[in-house]
N, C-alpha and C. Protein backbone atom coordinates (compact mmCIF):
# COMPACT_ATOMS: atom_id res chain seq x y z
N MET A 1 79.51 147.78 110.88
CA MET A 1 78.96 148.48 109.56
C MET A 1 80.02 149.53 108.52
N GLU A 2 79.43 149.29 107.24
CA GLU A 2 79.53 149.44 106.30
C GLU A 2 79.22 150.67 105.17
N SER A 3 79.48 151.25 104.79
CA SER A 3 79.08 152.49 104.02
C SER A 3 77.81 152.08 102.99
N PRO A 4 77.35 152.85 102.18
CA PRO A 4 76.31 152.17 100.76
C PRO A 4 78.02 151.84 99.70
N VAL A 5 78.15 152.91 99.61
CA VAL A 5 79.24 153.34 98.39
C VAL A 5 80.36 151.98 98.56
N GLU A 6 80.64 151.63 99.84
CA GLU A 6 81.25 150.47 100.36
C GLU A 6 80.47 149.26 100.09
N SER A 7 79.85 148.62 99.89
CA SER A 7 78.36 147.91 99.98
C SER A 7 78.28 147.66 98.42
N LEU A 8 78.96 148.64 97.03
CA LEU A 8 78.29 148.58 96.33
C LEU A 8 79.80 148.08 95.11
N VAL A 9 80.80 148.53 95.56
CA VAL A 9 81.89 148.35 95.32
C VAL A 9 82.32 146.85 94.23
N ASN A 10 81.60 145.71 95.45
CA ASN A 10 82.60 144.36 94.94
C ASN A 10 81.11 144.17 94.13
N PRO A 11 80.64 144.25 94.30
CA PRO A 11 79.50 143.57 92.99
C PRO A 11 80.45 144.95 91.75
N VAL A 12 79.92 146.10 91.87
CA VAL A 12 80.23 146.43 90.60
C VAL A 12 81.49 146.55 90.23
N GLY A 13 82.98 146.08 90.79
CA GLY A 13 84.09 145.87 90.53
C GLY A 13 84.12 145.12 89.92
N VAL A 14 83.30 143.49 90.69
CA VAL A 14 82.95 142.17 89.42
C VAL A 14 82.79 142.00 88.55
N GLY A 15 81.53 143.09 88.42
CA GLY A 15 80.88 143.14 86.73
C GLY A 15 81.26 143.54 86.06
N LEU A 16 81.93 144.79 86.52
CA LEU A 16 82.94 144.92 85.37
C LEU A 16 83.25 144.35 85.11
N LEU A 17 84.31 144.78 85.88
CA LEU A 17 85.38 143.02 85.46
C LEU A 17 85.41 142.14 84.02
N LEU A 18 84.33 141.19 84.87
CA LEU A 18 84.05 139.64 83.65
C LEU A 18 82.75 140.75 82.02
N SER A 19 82.83 141.21 82.54
CA SER A 19 81.79 142.19 81.21
C SER A 19 82.95 142.73 80.43
N ALA A 20 84.32 142.95 81.07
CA ALA A 20 84.63 144.16 80.65
C ALA A 20 85.70 142.60 79.43
N LEU A 21 86.09 141.51 80.41
CA LEU A 21 86.28 140.54 79.77
C LEU A 21 85.97 140.00 78.77
N TYR A 22 85.16 139.27 79.02
CA TYR A 22 83.20 139.63 78.13
C TYR A 22 84.07 140.41 76.25
N MET A 23 83.44 141.62 76.75
CA MET A 23 84.55 142.22 76.10
C MET A 23 85.28 141.88 74.72
N LEU A 24 85.78 142.22 75.81
CA LEU A 24 87.79 141.34 74.86
C LEU A 24 87.14 140.11 74.45
N ARG A 25 86.78 139.60 75.11
CA ARG A 25 87.96 138.11 74.46
C ARG A 25 85.86 138.11 72.98
N TYR A 26 84.92 137.97 72.92
CA TYR A 26 84.28 138.16 72.30
C TYR A 26 83.85 139.41 71.86
N ARG A 27 84.37 140.74 71.29
CA ARG A 27 84.25 141.82 70.55
C ARG A 27 83.23 142.13 70.80
N ALA A 28 82.56 142.00 71.44
CA ALA A 28 81.36 141.91 72.57
C ALA A 28 80.97 144.41 71.93
N TRP A 29 82.04 144.33 71.71
CA TRP A 29 81.44 146.43 71.59
C TRP A 29 80.80 145.99 70.61
N ARG A 30 80.74 145.45 69.17
CA ARG A 30 79.54 144.84 68.69
C ARG A 30 78.59 144.57 68.92
N ARG A 31 78.09 144.48 70.01
CA ARG A 31 76.56 144.86 70.40
C ARG A 31 76.94 144.73 71.96
N PRO A 32 76.76 146.08 72.21
CA PRO A 32 77.03 146.59 73.21
C PRO A 32 75.91 145.90 74.69
N ILE A 33 74.29 146.22 73.88
CA ILE A 33 73.66 145.98 74.89
C ILE A 33 73.75 144.19 75.52
N LEU A 34 75.04 143.18 75.42
CA LEU A 34 75.48 142.36 75.71
C LEU A 34 76.24 142.88 76.67
N VAL A 35 76.78 143.32 76.72
CA VAL A 35 77.97 143.68 77.68
C VAL A 35 77.37 144.67 78.68
N VAL A 36 75.96 145.21 78.59
CA VAL A 36 75.45 146.02 79.85
C VAL A 36 74.15 144.92 79.96
N ALA A 37 73.67 144.16 79.51
CA ALA A 37 73.29 142.74 79.94
C ALA A 37 73.67 141.57 80.80
N TYR A 38 75.33 141.26 80.83
CA TYR A 38 76.25 140.70 80.49
C TYR A 38 77.16 141.04 82.46
N PHE A 39 76.87 143.03 82.14
CA PHE A 39 77.30 143.37 83.87
C PHE A 39 75.82 143.51 84.59
N ALA A 40 75.03 143.78 84.13
CA ALA A 40 73.50 143.59 84.80
C ALA A 40 73.67 142.41 85.79
N PHE A 41 74.01 140.93 84.62
CA PHE A 41 74.07 140.10 85.57
C PHE A 41 74.52 139.51 86.55
N PHE A 42 76.16 139.84 85.61
CA PHE A 42 77.04 139.58 87.60
C PHE A 42 77.08 140.43 88.78
N THR A 43 76.79 141.46 88.11
CA THR A 43 76.38 142.43 89.16
C THR A 43 75.34 142.63 90.35
N SER A 44 74.28 141.90 89.93
CA SER A 44 73.25 141.36 90.60
C SER A 44 73.98 140.36 91.57
N LEU A 45 74.38 139.30 90.27
CA LEU A 45 74.55 138.02 91.23
C LEU A 45 75.59 137.60 91.79
N GLU A 46 76.12 138.71 91.83
CA GLU A 46 77.49 139.05 93.21
C GLU A 46 77.33 140.14 94.27
N TRP A 47 76.26 140.16 94.17
CA TRP A 47 74.77 141.23 94.97
C TRP A 47 73.64 140.25 96.39
N VAL A 48 73.46 139.88 95.10
CA VAL A 48 73.06 138.31 96.03
C VAL A 48 74.04 137.60 96.12
N ALA A 49 75.01 137.17 95.83
CA ALA A 49 75.18 136.73 97.17
C ALA A 49 76.33 136.83 98.08
N ALA A 50 76.63 137.69 97.98
CA ALA A 50 77.06 139.07 99.45
C ALA A 50 75.87 139.20 100.45
N HIS A 51 74.92 139.57 100.17
CA HIS A 51 74.16 139.97 100.26
C HIS A 51 72.62 138.40 101.54
N TYR A 52 73.13 137.41 100.77
CA TYR A 52 71.82 136.07 100.96
C TYR A 52 73.03 135.25 101.39
N PHE A 53 74.20 134.73 101.42
CA PHE A 53 74.57 133.77 100.63
C PHE A 53 76.65 133.64 101.46
N LEU A 54 77.02 134.57 101.46
CA LEU A 54 77.91 134.86 102.37
C LEU A 54 77.66 135.84 104.01
N PRO A 55 78.92 134.72 104.97
CA PRO A 55 78.48 135.84 106.38
C PRO A 55 78.75 137.65 106.21
N PRO A 56 78.90 138.44 107.20
CA PRO A 56 79.02 139.89 106.86
C PRO A 56 80.59 140.11 106.42
N ASP A 57 80.69 140.88 106.25
CA ASP A 57 82.27 140.64 105.92
C ASP A 57 83.23 140.04 105.39
N ALA A 58 82.76 139.27 103.94
CA ALA A 58 83.37 137.90 104.10
C ALA A 58 84.39 138.63 103.50
N LEU A 59 83.89 139.07 102.09
CA LEU A 59 84.68 139.94 100.74
C LEU A 59 85.63 141.36 101.85
N PRO A 60 86.51 141.74 101.42
CA PRO A 60 86.41 143.09 102.29
C PRO A 60 86.41 144.00 100.52
N SER A 61 85.81 145.22 101.27
CA SER A 61 86.19 145.83 99.98
C SER A 61 87.48 146.28 98.56
N VAL A 62 88.38 145.66 99.53
CA VAL A 62 88.98 145.67 98.80
C VAL A 62 89.73 144.81 97.53
N ILE A 63 88.65 143.62 97.63
CA ILE A 63 88.49 142.69 96.12
C ILE A 63 87.31 144.16 95.21
N GLY A 64 86.56 144.50 95.55
CA GLY A 64 85.82 145.59 94.49
C GLY A 64 87.16 146.56 93.93
N TRP A 65 87.73 147.03 94.81
CA TRP A 65 88.39 148.49 94.54
C TRP A 65 90.03 147.39 93.98
N LEU A 66 90.36 146.02 93.98
CA LEU A 66 91.22 145.36 93.13
C LEU A 66 90.59 145.07 91.13
N CYS A 67 89.13 144.81 91.74
CA CYS A 67 88.45 144.44 90.01
C CYS A 67 88.49 145.02 89.60
N LEU A 68 87.91 146.79 89.96
CA LEU A 68 87.66 147.54 90.28
C LEU A 68 89.20 148.08 88.70
N GLY A 69 90.54 148.10 89.30
CA GLY A 69 92.05 148.54 89.03
C GLY A 69 92.57 147.44 88.18
N LEU A 70 92.48 145.62 87.65
CA LEU A 70 92.30 145.39 86.83
C LEU A 70 91.13 145.57 85.48
N THR A 71 90.31 146.22 85.69
CA THR A 71 89.10 145.94 84.88
C THR A 71 89.51 147.23 83.63
N VAL A 72 90.88 149.14 84.10
CA VAL A 72 91.54 148.96 82.94
C VAL A 72 92.29 149.00 81.89
N PRO A 73 93.50 147.67 82.58
CA PRO A 73 94.30 147.14 81.93
C PRO A 73 93.46 146.47 81.19
N VAL A 74 92.34 146.44 81.45
CA VAL A 74 91.28 145.02 80.09
C VAL A 74 91.00 146.14 79.23
N LEU A 75 90.51 147.00 79.24
CA LEU A 75 90.04 147.88 78.62
C LEU A 75 90.44 148.98 77.72
N VAL A 76 91.66 148.81 78.97
CA VAL A 76 92.56 149.43 77.80
C VAL A 76 93.24 148.27 76.36
N ALA A 77 93.57 147.25 76.68
CA ALA A 77 93.77 146.42 75.81
C ALA A 77 92.21 145.66 74.42
N THR A 78 91.67 146.25 75.11
CA THR A 78 90.08 145.92 73.96
C THR A 78 89.73 147.39 73.89
N TRP A 79 90.23 148.52 73.59
CA TRP A 79 90.04 149.70 72.67
C TRP A 79 91.78 149.50 72.13
N LEU A 80 92.20 148.38 71.73
CA LEU A 80 93.51 148.49 70.87
C LEU A 80 93.60 148.00 70.48
N VAL A 81 92.66 146.63 70.57
CA VAL A 81 92.12 145.76 69.59
C VAL A 81 91.47 146.49 68.36
N TRP A 82 90.18 146.39 69.00
CA TRP A 82 89.81 147.85 68.06
C TRP A 82 89.87 148.33 67.26
N ARG A 83 90.89 149.01 67.62
CA ARG A 83 91.82 150.58 66.95
C ARG A 83 92.73 149.40 66.01
N GLN A 84 93.16 148.23 66.02
CA GLN A 84 93.77 147.45 65.22
C GLN A 84 92.93 146.81 64.47
N GLU A 85 91.95 145.89 64.94
CA GLU A 85 90.67 145.60 63.68
C GLU A 85 90.48 147.05 63.00
N GLN A 86 90.16 148.07 63.68
CA GLN A 86 89.64 150.00 62.36
C GLN A 86 90.98 149.33 61.65
N ARG A 87 92.23 149.63 61.70
CA ARG A 87 93.09 150.10 61.23
C ARG A 87 93.10 148.84 59.59
N HIS A 88 93.26 147.60 59.80
CA HIS A 88 93.36 146.42 59.26
C HIS A 88 92.35 146.64 58.56
N GLY A 89 90.19 146.53 59.01
CA GLY A 89 89.60 146.85 58.38
C GLY A 89 88.51 145.53 58.09
N GLU A 90 88.75 144.85 59.80
CA GLU A 90 87.84 143.60 60.05
C GLU A 90 87.03 144.55 60.78
N GLY A 91 86.35 145.81 61.43
CA GLY A 91 85.75 145.41 62.65
C GLY A 91 84.42 145.23 60.95
N ALA A 92 83.52 145.75 62.22
CA ALA A 92 81.96 145.28 61.19
C ALA A 92 81.24 146.25 60.72
């Protein structure tokens, strides 16, 4: 039996990674409510899939920790792109 924290690691990790990738690709820092909506959608989708469609312990919590770790370089890249756009006057 996994702890409540371990059961949330995968959905939150996947949700954060996918919403960070969305933010980087579509410059969504201009529309932060959409980033929150994407995070909520991907997190709930992963949670529902893990609880209703996958067998127990099908995805170890290592997957969630990996997604959380991969979110860091994506967020750094997003910040660098945002800063570059601000320097060149491209930001809205």
